[in-house]
Every structure is written in C-alpha cells, then in structure tokens.
Amino acid sequence: MTPRFTRYAAIDWSGAKGSRHRGIAVALCENGDGVPHLIHPPGGRIWSRTGILQWMLKTAAEAPTLFGFDFSFAPPFLTRGSYMPGDDVPMNAPPFWAYVDSICDDADLGAASLLEQTHRRHFYFGKADGVKADFMHNRACEALYKAGGGGKPSTVYDAIGAAQVAKASFAGMRMLHHVRPHIPVWPFDPPAQSESLIVEIYTSIAARAAGRPKGRTKMRDLAALNDALLALGSSPHEGSSPDDHGADALVTAAWLRNAAHNPLLWTPPALTHQIAATEGWTFGVF
C-alpha cells in the first residue's frame, strides 16, 4: 500500500548544543509542481528542536504530511546484537528512544551527555580512543547504500569532525520518542493511507536524483539550486539563494514529493521485520 500525502516536509536537522540552531532548515511543498518554501519559526528565523516538534504536530493536524529527517533513527544493531554491547539498554528502537530521552537532560532535546558521559566508551572522539575503524559500525541500510555506490555513510558512533551525525541522531531519537504517540515513524510503524508519517532521509539521495554529481551534492548558488529543482519537476526558487542547509531542505522536499508515490521505496527487499524493529531504514535506499 502506498500512503497518500498532500504535503511534504524536509528537515535539515542539528544536534548542536544550546537552544537555537542555525543548522536546522525546514522546507515544505504540496502536491503538484509548486516550489517548496522555507518555513521559519514564529517570531524569528532560527529554529529550536522543540520548536520543530511543535510545528510538526500542528502541521500534521492540518493535513497528511510526509516529514523527512536527515539523521539516523537508530544505531546499528544486527552486526553485534546490541546498540551498546556490554551496556544494559533496550533491544528495539522505540524503547531505546525512550531510554535516550530518560537519561539526557540536555537543553532543547539535546543528547551530547549520552555521548560524552553516559556511554562515552562507545564513541570515537579522537586518537586517544584507539583505532577509529573499531568504531565504524553500520546499519544494514547503510551497508546496502555503500555497496550500491552511494558513498560512505557516517556512523552514529563517530563523534568527531564536521560530517559526524552522532549528536544529531541521538537528539533526533529524543524527538522521535516525543512525537511518535502523535505521528507514526516508518518503518517502525506501518504507514496508513491517510495520515502523516515520519521517514529518515539522506539529502544526498535527493541531490543525486536531481542530477548533482557524487561528491558535489551541495548547491552553493541559485543557478545550481534551480537546476536541481527543475530536474525534480519543481518550479524554481525565487529570491536570494539560501544557505546550504536551506538548499538541501528545498531539494529534498521536492524529491520526497516524487519519491512518496513510488511503491517500491516503501517495500525495499532487504528490509526485514527485525531490521524494521531495531535499526530502521533510510527512505530511498533500495
């Protein structure tokens, strides 16, 4: 069954410390070929993570919306049989989200304390932690994405460098714990035909689908952005060029609008019941 949506939102997420985050960008579009629009928080231009949560609940109540987030919805599980081998943590994703939320008191749904204190030994912060390769565990969907030539995905255990997704992912798990009673999360929850849904995304998949070459998925100017939108069947973005977070969100929202109607993407052959319960899946990896 292919779910039906009337709106599509892409959220470029952030796990940064603090209460407001310049790295968060939100783009929203409707069915048709209208250009996605950047959405700003009420009374300002810089989002908080709790502000995103509140906006999602309001948006989902208005119309069936597909929300896409660019963080890992769960750590790897299959290869080692645990999210944190040797530590007493839940064995399925939704209970693990609740656990993460229960042990983190960081501001604005942050989760840096989990990496830096509670489960410090599982994360790579630099050479003092040993051999980096020993921390580079991947989920099944990440391994499949890499094997298909998509590139080398980041792991949630790598907490160093600009490309790390660790803090963003665990902060995102806190958000998922709070929003899931109101909006289902795929593939942990089955999609319905007439309600909103949350999926995990790679903005690089959207950029590649829009014709951006591998290794050059970032769009730094208006011409590159509009070429990508045109390739996805969208009208062009007018006005000044957004930053790279905004450009990623705009293109990914346009891609989500197309991809959501592809039934194959909702039933990837490698997605087993065990993976759906523990690791989840990145929408668009097939």
C-alpha atoms as a PDB file:
ATOM      1  CA  MET A   1       0.000   0.000   0.000  1.00  0.00           C
ATOM      2  CA  THR A   2       1.384   3.401  -0.964  1.00  0.00           C
ATOM      3  CA  PRO A   3       0.438   6.080   1.576  1.00  0.00           C
ATOM      4  CA  ARG A   4      -1.144   9.291   0.382  1.00  0.00           C
ATOM      5  CA  PHE A   5       0.043  12.714   1.428  1.00  0.00           C
ATOM      6  CA  THR A   6      -0.876  16.262   0.497  1.00  0.00           C
ATOM      7  CA  ARG A   7       2.278  17.921   1.843  1.00  0.00           C
ATOM      8  CA  TYR A   8       5.963  17.033   2.055  1.00  0.00           C
ATOM      9  CA  ALA A   9       8.453  18.462   4.532  1.00  0.00           C
ATOM     10  CA  ALA A  10      12.220  18.019   4.619  1.00  0.00           C
ATOM     11  CA  ILE A  11      14.075  18.989   7.782  1.00  0.00           C
ATOM     12  CA  ASP A  12      17.833  19.505   7.808  1.00  0.00           C
ATOM     13  CA  TRP A  13      18.478  18.605  11.455  1.00  0.00           C
ATOM     14  CA  SER A  14      21.081  19.571  14.049  1.00  0.00           C
ATOM     15  CA  GLY A  15      22.425  18.027  17.240  1.00  0.00           C
ATOM     16  CA  ALA A  16      24.341  21.102  18.348  1.00  0.00           C
ATOM     17  CA  LYS A  17      24.338  22.141  21.979  1.00  0.00           C
ATOM     18  CA  GLY A  18      22.143  25.046  23.024  1.00  0.00           C
ATOM     19  CA  SER A  19      18.564  26.109  22.408  1.00  0.00           C
ATOM     20  CA  ARG A  20      18.627  27.633  18.899  1.00  0.00           C
ATOM     21  CA  HIS A  21      20.347  26.047  15.915  1.00  0.00           C
ATOM     22  CA  ARG A  22      21.349  27.720  12.657  1.00  0.00           C
ATOM     23  CA  GLY A  23      21.878  24.278  11.152  1.00  0.00           C
ATOM     24  CA  ILE A  24      18.158  23.466  11.167  1.00  0.00           C
ATOM     25  CA  ALA A  25      16.239  24.241   7.978  1.00  0.00           C
ATOM     26  CA  VAL A  26      12.684  23.296   7.032  1.00  0.00           C
ATOM     27  CA  ALA A  27      11.162  23.185   3.537  1.00  0.00           C
ATOM     28  CA  LEU A  28       7.546  22.376   2.733  1.00  0.00           C
ATOM     29  CA  CYS A  29       5.701  21.726  -0.528  1.00  0.00           C
ATOM     30  CA  GLU A  30       2.345  20.405  -1.682  1.00  0.00           C
ATOM     31  CA  ASN A  31       1.326  18.063  -4.479  1.00  0.00           C
ATOM     32  CA  GLY A  32       1.894  19.471  -7.956  1.00  0.00           C
ATOM     33  CA  ASP A  33       4.923  21.339  -9.238  1.00  0.00           C
ATOM     34  CA  GLY A  34       4.970  24.314  -6.883  1.00  0.00           C
ATOM     35  CA  VAL A  35       8.371  25.226  -5.493  1.00  0.00           C
ATOM     36  CA  PRO A  36       8.992  24.209  -1.877  1.00  0.00           C
ATOM     37  CA  HIS A  37       9.145  27.076   0.595  1.00  0.00           C
ATOM     38  CA  LEU A  38      11.444  27.535   3.551  1.00  0.00           C
ATOM     39  CA  ILE A  39       9.496  27.636   6.799  1.00  0.00           C
ATOM     40  CA  HIS A  40      10.735  29.838   9.631  1.00  0.00           C
ATOM     41  CA  PRO A  41       9.774  29.625  13.304  1.00  0.00           C
ATOM     42  CA  PRO A  42       7.170  32.016  14.662  1.00  0.00           C
ATOM     43  CA  GLY A  43       8.748  35.330  15.596  1.00  0.00           C
ATOM     44  CA  GLY A  44      12.229  34.531  14.315  1.00  0.00           C
ATOM     45  CA  ARG A  45      14.473  32.798  11.806  1.00  0.00           C
ATOM     46  CA  ILE A  46      16.394  30.286  13.938  1.00  0.00           C
ATOM     47  CA  TRP A  47      14.698  27.029  14.913  1.00  0.00           C
ATOM     48  CA  SER A  48      14.886  25.118  18.158  1.00  0.00           C
ATOM     49  CA  ARG A  49      14.374  21.352  18.188  1.00  0.00           C
ATOM     50  CA  THR A  50      11.337  21.704  20.449  1.00  0.00           C
ATOM     51  CA  GLY A  51      10.016  24.301  18.014  1.00  0.00           C
ATOM     52  CA  ILE A  52      10.273  21.748  15.206  1.00  0.00           C
ATOM     53  CA  LEU A  53       8.352  19.248  17.339  1.00  0.00           C
ATOM     54  CA  GLN A  54       5.546  21.731  17.969  1.00  0.00           C
ATOM     55  CA  TRP A  55       5.435  22.742  14.293  1.00  0.00           C
ATOM     56  CA  MET A  56       5.171  19.098  13.226  1.00  0.00           C
ATOM     57  CA  LEU A  57       2.219  18.428  15.493  1.00  0.00           C
ATOM     58  CA  LYS A  58       0.410  21.493  14.157  1.00  0.00           C
ATOM     59  CA  THR A  59       1.232  20.675  10.523  1.00  0.00           C
ATOM     60  CA  ALA A  60       0.206  17.007  10.834  1.00  0.00           C
ATOM     61  CA  ALA A  61      -3.136  18.054  12.345  1.00  0.00           C
ATOM     62  CA  GLU A  62      -3.853  20.240   9.321  1.00  0.00           C
ATOM     63  CA  ALA A  63      -3.186  17.733   6.514  1.00  0.00           C
ATOM     64  CA  PRO A  64      -1.483  14.358   5.863  1.00  0.00           C
ATOM     65  CA  THR A  65       2.186  15.285   5.692  1.00  0.00           C
ATOM     66  CA  LEU A  66       5.313  13.250   4.988  1.00  0.00           C
ATOM     67  CA  PHE A  67       8.170  14.503   7.181  1.00  0.00           C
ATOM     68  CA  GLY A  68      11.744  13.596   6.239  1.00  0.00           C
ATOM     69  CA  PHE A  69      14.658  13.968   8.691  1.00  0.00           C
ATOM     70  CA  ASP A  70      18.356  13.601   7.889  1.00  0.00           C
ATOM     71  CA  PHE A  71      19.595  11.743  10.960  1.00  0.00           C
ATOM     72  CA  SER A  72      19.923   8.056  11.845  1.00  0.00           C
ATOM     73  CA  PHE A  73      16.775   6.877  13.593  1.00  0.00           C
ATOM     74  CA  ALA A  74      18.646   4.122  15.466  1.00  0.00           C
ATOM     75  CA  PRO A  75      22.197   2.858  15.968  1.00  0.00           C
ATOM     76  CA  PRO A  76      23.404  -0.338  14.264  1.00  0.00           C
ATOM     77  CA  PHE A  77      22.053  -3.469  15.932  1.00  0.00           C
ATOM     78  CA  LEU A  78      22.254  -6.541  13.690  1.00  0.00           C
ATOM     79  CA  THR A  79      26.019  -6.911  13.394  1.00  0.00           C
ATOM     80  CA  ARG A  80      26.623  -7.010  17.173  1.00  0.00           C
ATOM     81  CA  GLY A  81      23.221  -7.851  18.648  1.00  0.00           C
ATOM     82  CA  SER A  82      23.050  -4.669  20.693  1.00  0.00           C
ATOM     83  CA  TYR A  83      23.104  -0.906  20.280  1.00  0.00           C
ATOM     84  CA  MET A  84      25.706  -0.599  23.061  1.00  0.00           C
ATOM     85  CA  PRO A  85      27.338  -4.023  23.584  1.00  0.00           C
ATOM     86  CA  GLY A  86      28.067  -4.644  27.244  1.00  0.00           C
ATOM     87  CA  ASP A  87      25.620  -1.984  28.466  1.00  0.00           C
ATOM     88  CA  ASP A  88      22.085  -2.607  29.668  1.00  0.00           C
ATOM     89  CA  VAL A  89      19.991  -0.842  27.013  1.00  0.00           C
ATOM     90  CA  PRO A  90      16.714  -1.726  25.244  1.00  0.00           C
ATOM     91  CA  MET A  91      16.751  -4.095  22.261  1.00  0.00           C
ATOM     92  CA  ASN A  92      14.222  -2.349  19.966  1.00  0.00           C
ATOM     93  CA  ALA A  93      14.217   1.185  18.641  1.00  0.00           C
ATOM     94  CA  PRO A  94      11.146   2.840  20.242  1.00  0.00           C
ATOM     95  CA  PRO A  95      12.087   1.648  23.767  1.00  0.00           C
ATOM     96  CA  PHE A  96      15.651   2.773  23.046  1.00  0.00           C
ATOM     97  CA  TRP A  97      14.371   6.260  22.116  1.00  0.00           C
ATOM     98  CA  ALA A  98      12.564   6.380  25.465  1.00  0.00           C
ATOM     99  CA  TYR A  99      15.766   5.301  27.203  1.00  0.00           C
ATOM    100  CA  VAL A 100      17.817   8.011  25.463  1.00  0.00           C
ATOM    101  CA  ASP A 101      15.259  10.622  26.461  1.00  0.00           C
ATOM    102  CA  SER A 102      15.238   9.404  30.066  1.00  0.00           C
ATOM    103  CA  ILE A 103      18.998   9.718  30.584  1.00  0.00           C
ATOM    104  CA  CYS A 104      19.546  13.020  28.772  1.00  0.00           C
ATOM    105  CA  ASP A 105      18.799  16.316  30.486  1.00  0.00           C
ATOM    106  CA  ASP A 106      20.490  18.420  27.797  1.00  0.00           C
ATOM    107  CA  ALA A 107      18.717  21.599  26.696  1.00  0.00           C
ATOM    108  CA  ASP A 108      16.250  21.501  23.812  1.00  0.00           C
ATOM    109  CA  LEU A 109      16.162  17.716  23.364  1.00  0.00           C
ATOM    110  CA  GLY A 110      19.937  17.585  23.043  1.00  0.00           C
ATOM    111  CA  ALA A 111      21.860  14.372  23.699  1.00  0.00           C
ATOM    112  CA  ALA A 112      25.534  15.319  23.938  1.00  0.00           C
ATOM    113  CA  SER A 113      25.680  14.000  27.504  1.00  0.00           C
ATOM    114  CA  LEU A 114      24.933  10.461  26.272  1.00  0.00           C
ATOM    115  CA  LEU A 115      27.994  10.535  24.025  1.00  0.00           C
ATOM    116  CA  GLU A 116      30.283  12.472  26.330  1.00  0.00           C
ATOM    117  CA  GLN A 117      29.389  10.864  29.664  1.00  0.00           C
ATOM    118  CA  THR A 118      26.827   8.053  29.995  1.00  0.00           C
ATOM    119  CA  HIS A 119      28.020   5.820  27.140  1.00  0.00           C
ATOM    120  CA  ARG A 120      31.338   7.516  26.389  1.00  0.00           C
ATOM    121  CA  ARG A 121      33.301   4.323  25.620  1.00  0.00           C
ATOM    122  CA  HIS A 122      31.177   3.554  22.547  1.00  0.00           C
ATOM    123  CA  PHE A 123      32.067   6.769  20.711  1.00  0.00           C
ATOM    124  CA  TYR A 124      35.126   7.921  18.829  1.00  0.00           C
ATOM    125  CA  PHE A 125      36.252  11.451  19.679  1.00  0.00           C
ATOM    126  CA  GLY A 126      39.889  11.199  18.613  1.00  0.00           C
ATOM    127  CA  LYS A 127      43.095   9.185  18.653  1.00  0.00           C
ATOM    128  CA  ALA A 128      43.007   8.772  22.429  1.00  0.00           C
ATOM    129  CA  ASP A 129      40.028   6.434  21.965  1.00  0.00           C
ATOM    130  CA  GLY A 130      42.052   3.939  19.924  1.00  0.00           C
ATOM    131  CA  VAL A 131      41.688   2.791  16.329  1.00  0.00           C
ATOM    132  CA  LYS A 132      38.873   4.655  14.593  1.00  0.00           C
ATOM    133  CA  ALA A 133      37.981   1.650  12.419  1.00  0.00           C
ATOM    134  CA  ASP A 134      36.925  -0.226  15.571  1.00  0.00           C
ATOM    135  CA  PHE A 135      34.023   2.235  15.963  1.00  0.00           C
ATOM    136  CA  MET A 136      32.842   2.263  12.354  1.00  0.00           C
ATOM    137  CA  HIS A 137      29.760   0.034  12.628  1.00  0.00           C
ATOM    138  CA  ASN A 138      26.948   0.464  10.109  1.00  0.00           C
ATOM    139  CA  ARG A 139      23.295  -0.468   9.843  1.00  0.00           C
ATOM    140  CA  ALA A 140      22.020  -2.792   7.126  1.00  0.00           C
ATOM    141  CA  CYS A 141      20.621   0.064   5.038  1.00  0.00           C
ATOM    142  CA  GLU A 142      23.910   1.959   5.297  1.00  0.00           C
ATOM    143  CA  ALA A 143      25.864  -1.083   4.116  1.00  0.00           C
ATOM    144  CA  LEU A 144      23.463  -1.515   1.193  1.00  0.00           C
ATOM    145  CA  TYR A 145      23.743   2.166   0.278  1.00  0.00           C
ATOM    146  CA  LYS A 146      27.540   1.936   0.251  1.00  0.00           C
ATOM    147  CA  ALA A 147      27.558  -1.308  -1.748  1.00  0.00           C
ATOM    148  CA  GLY A 148      25.335   0.318  -4.364  1.00  0.00           C
ATOM    149  CA  GLY A 149      27.812   3.125  -4.932  1.00  0.00           C
ATOM    150  CA  GLY A 150      26.001   5.724  -2.858  1.00  0.00           C
ATOM    151  CA  GLY A 151      29.093   6.632  -0.885  1.00  0.00           C
ATOM    152  CA  LYS A 152      30.440   6.002   2.592  1.00  0.00           C
ATOM    153  CA  PRO A 153      27.706   6.696   5.160  1.00  0.00           C
ATOM    154  CA  SER A 154      28.534   8.101   8.578  1.00  0.00           C
ATOM    155  CA  THR A 155      28.009   6.023  11.700  1.00  0.00           C
ATOM    156  CA  VAL A 156      26.410   7.300  14.892  1.00  0.00           C
ATOM    157  CA  TYR A 157      29.481   6.134  16.832  1.00  0.00           C
ATOM    158  CA  ASP A 158      31.770   8.621  15.065  1.00  0.00           C
ATOM    159  CA  ALA A 159      31.583  11.815  17.139  1.00  0.00           C
ATOM    160  CA  ILE A 160      34.386  13.788  15.544  1.00  0.00           C
ATOM    161  CA  GLY A 161      34.533  16.139  12.571  1.00  0.00           C
ATOM    162  CA  ALA A 162      32.080  18.239  10.609  1.00  0.00           C
ATOM    163  CA  ALA A 163      30.476  15.215   8.912  1.00  0.00           C
ATOM    164  CA  GLN A 164      29.596  13.381  12.139  1.00  0.00           C
ATOM    165  CA  VAL A 165      25.928  12.611  12.714  1.00  0.00           C
ATOM    166  CA  ALA A 166      26.197  11.265  16.265  1.00  0.00           C
ATOM    167  CA  LYS A 167      24.807  14.183  18.298  1.00  0.00           C
ATOM    168  CA  ALA A 168      22.129  14.952  15.712  1.00  0.00           C
ATOM    169  CA  SER A 169      20.954  11.342  15.651  1.00  0.00           C
ATOM    170  CA  PHE A 170      20.623  10.884  19.404  1.00  0.00           C
ATOM    171  CA  ALA A 171      18.933  14.273  19.741  1.00  0.00           C
ATOM    172  CA  GLY A 172      16.614  13.138  16.959  1.00  0.00           C
ATOM    173  CA  MET A 173      15.809   9.947  18.848  1.00  0.00           C
ATOM    174  CA  ARG A 174      14.609  12.066  21.756  1.00  0.00           C
ATOM    175  CA  MET A 175      12.365  13.978  19.375  1.00  0.00           C
ATOM    176  CA  LEU A 176      11.004  10.736  17.878  1.00  0.00           C
ATOM    177  CA  HIS A 177      10.130   9.484  21.352  1.00  0.00           C
ATOM    178  CA  HIS A 178       8.008  12.571  21.983  1.00  0.00           C
ATOM    179  CA  VAL A 179       6.352  12.785  18.569  1.00  0.00           C
ATOM    180  CA  ARG A 180       5.615   9.090  17.920  1.00  0.00           C
ATOM    181  CA  PRO A 181       2.416   8.973  20.022  1.00  0.00           C
ATOM    182  CA  HIS A 182       1.017  11.527  17.563  1.00  0.00           C
ATOM    183  CA  ILE A 183       2.768  10.792  14.242  1.00  0.00           C
ATOM    184  CA  PRO A 184       3.902   7.271  13.234  1.00  0.00           C
ATOM    185  CA  VAL A 185       7.527   6.640  12.291  1.00  0.00           C
ATOM    186  CA  TRP A 186       8.410   4.408   9.317  1.00  0.00           C
ATOM    187  CA  PRO A 187       9.365   1.565   9.204  1.00  0.00           C
ATOM    188  CA  PHE A 188       8.855   1.035  12.949  1.00  0.00           C
ATOM    189  CA  ASP A 189       5.163   1.799  12.393  1.00  0.00           C
ATOM    190  CA  PRO A 190       3.273   0.741   9.246  1.00  0.00           C
ATOM    191  CA  PRO A 191       2.149   3.612   7.004  1.00  0.00           C
ATOM    192  CA  ALA A 192      -1.547   4.310   6.582  1.00  0.00           C
ATOM    193  CA  GLN A 193      -3.133   5.841   3.504  1.00  0.00           C
ATOM    194  CA  SER A 194      -4.499   8.963   5.120  1.00  0.00           C
ATOM    195  CA  GLU A 195      -2.249  10.159   7.929  1.00  0.00           C
ATOM    196  CA  SER A 196       1.082  11.862   8.410  1.00  0.00           C
ATOM    197  CA  LEU A 197       4.306   9.900   8.661  1.00  0.00           C
ATOM    198  CA  ILE A 198       7.972  10.447   9.539  1.00  0.00           C
ATOM    199  CA  VAL A 199      10.811   8.916   7.497  1.00  0.00           C
ATOM    200  CA  GLU A 200      14.591   9.025   7.624  1.00  0.00           C
ATOM    201  CA  ILE A 201      16.275  10.559   4.576  1.00  0.00           C
ATOM    202  CA  TYR A 202      19.679  11.213   3.060  1.00  0.00           C
ATOM    203  CA  THR A 203      19.762  14.648   1.465  1.00  0.00           C
ATOM    204  CA  SER A 204      22.468  13.238  -0.819  1.00  0.00           C
ATOM    205  CA  ILE A 205      19.944  10.792  -2.340  1.00  0.00           C
ATOM    206  CA  ALA A 206      17.705  13.714  -3.248  1.00  0.00           C
ATOM    207  CA  ALA A 207      20.613  15.686  -4.676  1.00  0.00           C
ATOM    208  CA  ARG A 208      21.796  12.749  -6.787  1.00  0.00           C
ATOM    209  CA  ALA A 209      18.237  12.237  -8.074  1.00  0.00           C
ATOM    210  CA  ALA A 210      18.290  15.917  -9.052  1.00  0.00           C
ATOM    211  CA  GLY A 211      21.383  15.409 -11.184  1.00  0.00           C
ATOM    212  CA  ARG A 212      24.065  16.539  -8.769  1.00  0.00           C
ATOM    213  CA  PRO A 213      27.268  14.501  -9.233  1.00  0.00           C
ATOM    214  CA  LYS A 214      28.643  12.271  -6.499  1.00  0.00           C
ATOM    215  CA  GLY A 215      30.810  14.276  -4.128  1.00  0.00           C
ATOM    216  CA  ARG A 216      29.252  17.570  -5.235  1.00  0.00           C
ATOM    217  CA  THR A 217      25.787  17.331  -3.764  1.00  0.00           C
ATOM    218  CA  LYS A 218      25.890  20.727  -2.047  1.00  0.00           C
ATOM    219  CA  MET A 219      24.300  23.588  -4.005  1.00  0.00           C
ATOM    220  CA  ARG A 220      26.127  26.850  -3.347  1.00  0.00           C
ATOM    221  CA  ASP A 221      24.311  29.223  -5.691  1.00  0.00           C
ATOM    222  CA  LEU A 222      20.834  29.920  -7.035  1.00  0.00           C
ATOM    223  CA  ALA A 223      21.548  28.515 -10.505  1.00  0.00           C
ATOM    224  CA  ALA A 224      22.631  25.144  -9.094  1.00  0.00           C
ATOM    225  CA  LEU A 225      19.621  25.048  -6.778  1.00  0.00           C
ATOM    226  CA  ASN A 226      17.150  25.787  -9.550  1.00  0.00           C
ATOM    227  CA  ASP A 227      18.749  23.288 -11.906  1.00  0.00           C
ATOM    228  CA  ALA A 228      18.197  20.650  -9.217  1.00  0.00           C
ATOM    229  CA  LEU A 229      14.598  21.719  -8.599  1.00  0.00           C
ATOM    230  CA  LEU A 230      13.853  21.695 -12.335  1.00  0.00           C
ATOM    231  CA  ALA A 231      15.241  18.151 -12.619  1.00  0.00           C
ATOM    232  CA  LEU A 232      12.743  17.111  -9.932  1.00  0.00           C
ATOM    233  CA  GLY A 233       9.794  18.693 -11.738  1.00  0.00           C
ATOM    234  CA  SER A 234       9.583  21.716  -9.450  1.00  0.00           C
ATOM    235  CA  SER A 235       9.131  25.378 -10.242  1.00  0.00           C
ATOM    236  CA  PRO A 236      12.239  27.482  -9.496  1.00  0.00           C
ATOM    237  CA  HIS A 237      13.101  29.162  -6.228  1.00  0.00           C
ATOM    238  CA  GLU A 238      12.758  32.924  -6.442  1.00  0.00           C
ATOM    239  CA  GLY A 239      14.709  35.469  -4.473  1.00  0.00           C
ATOM    240  CA  SER A 240      18.141  35.124  -2.929  1.00  0.00           C
ATOM    241  CA  SER A 241      19.892  31.802  -2.661  1.00  0.00           C
ATOM    242  CA  PRO A 242      19.532  30.094   0.743  1.00  0.00           C
ATOM    243  CA  ASP A 243      22.476  28.647   2.644  1.00  0.00           C
ATOM    244  CA  ASP A 244      23.420  25.030   2.058  1.00  0.00           C
ATOM    245  CA  HIS A 245      21.087  23.802   4.819  1.00  0.00           C
ATOM    246  CA  GLY A 246      18.151  25.584   3.200  1.00  0.00           C
ATOM    247  CA  ALA A 247      19.112  24.367  -0.275  1.00  0.00           C
ATOM    248  CA  ASP A 248      19.309  20.773   0.980  1.00  0.00           C
ATOM    249  CA  ALA A 249      15.860  21.083   2.539  1.00  0.00           C
ATOM    250  CA  LEU A 250      14.285  22.606  -0.589  1.00  0.00           C
ATOM    251  CA  VAL A 251      15.616  19.955  -2.950  1.00  0.00           C
ATOM    252  CA  THR A 252      14.826  17.112  -0.567  1.00  0.00           C
ATOM    253  CA  ALA A 253      11.225  18.279  -0.125  1.00  0.00           C
ATOM    254  CA  ALA A 254      10.790  18.293  -3.915  1.00  0.00           C
ATOM    255  CA  TRP A 255      12.344  14.821  -4.096  1.00  0.00           C
ATOM    256  CA  LEU A 256      10.094  13.498  -1.306  1.00  0.00           C
ATOM    257  CA  ARG A 257       7.052  14.668  -3.260  1.00  0.00           C
ATOM    258  CA  ASN A 258       8.105  12.432  -6.149  1.00  0.00           C
ATOM    259  CA  ALA A 259       9.505   9.502  -4.168  1.00  0.00           C
ATOM    260  CA  ALA A 260       6.467   9.131  -1.911  1.00  0.00           C
ATOM    261  CA  HIS A 261       4.430   7.859  -4.878  1.00  0.00           C
ATOM    262  CA  ASN A 262       6.898   5.063  -5.696  1.00  0.00           C
ATOM    263  CA  PRO A 263       5.543   1.863  -4.068  1.00  0.00           C
ATOM    264  CA  LEU A 264       8.918   0.119  -4.388  1.00  0.00           C
ATOM    265  CA  LEU A 265      10.529   2.541  -1.959  1.00  0.00           C
ATOM    266  CA  TRP A 266       8.069   1.527   0.758  1.00  0.00           C
ATOM    267  CA  THR A 267       8.957  -2.169   0.414  1.00  0.00           C
ATOM    268  CA  PRO A 268      12.761  -2.485  -0.082  1.00  0.00           C
ATOM    269  CA  PRO A 269      13.588  -6.201  -0.431  1.00  0.00           C
ATOM    270  CA  ALA A 270      16.295  -6.115   2.244  1.00  0.00           C
ATOM    271  CA  LEU A 271      14.044  -4.602   4.907  1.00  0.00           C
ATOM    272  CA  THR A 272      13.183  -7.474   7.256  1.00  0.00           C
ATOM    273  CA  HIS A 273      10.872  -7.384  10.282  1.00  0.00           C
ATOM    274  CA  GLN A 274      13.899  -7.481  12.585  1.00  0.00           C
ATOM    275  CA  ILE A 275      15.543  -4.538  10.824  1.00  0.00           C
ATOM    276  CA  ALA A 276      12.274  -2.602  10.897  1.00  0.00           C
ATOM    277  CA  ALA A 277      12.064  -3.069  14.664  1.00  0.00           C
ATOM    278  CA  THR A 278      15.696  -2.393  15.561  1.00  0.00           C
ATOM    279  CA  GLU A 279      17.639  -0.358  13.007  1.00  0.00           C
ATOM    280  CA  GLY A 280      15.009   1.190  10.780  1.00  0.00           C
ATOM    281  CA  TRP A 281      15.670   2.181   7.188  1.00  0.00           C
ATOM    282  CA  THR A 282      16.548   5.229   5.133  1.00  0.00           C
ATOM    283  CA  PHE A 283      13.721   6.040   2.739  1.00  0.00           C
ATOM    284  CA  GLY A 284      15.026   5.864  -0.822  1.00  0.00           C
ATOM    285  CA  VAL A 285      17.642   3.163  -0.217  1.00  0.00           C
ATOM    286  CA  PHE A 286      16.584   0.200  -2.316  1.00  0.00           C
END
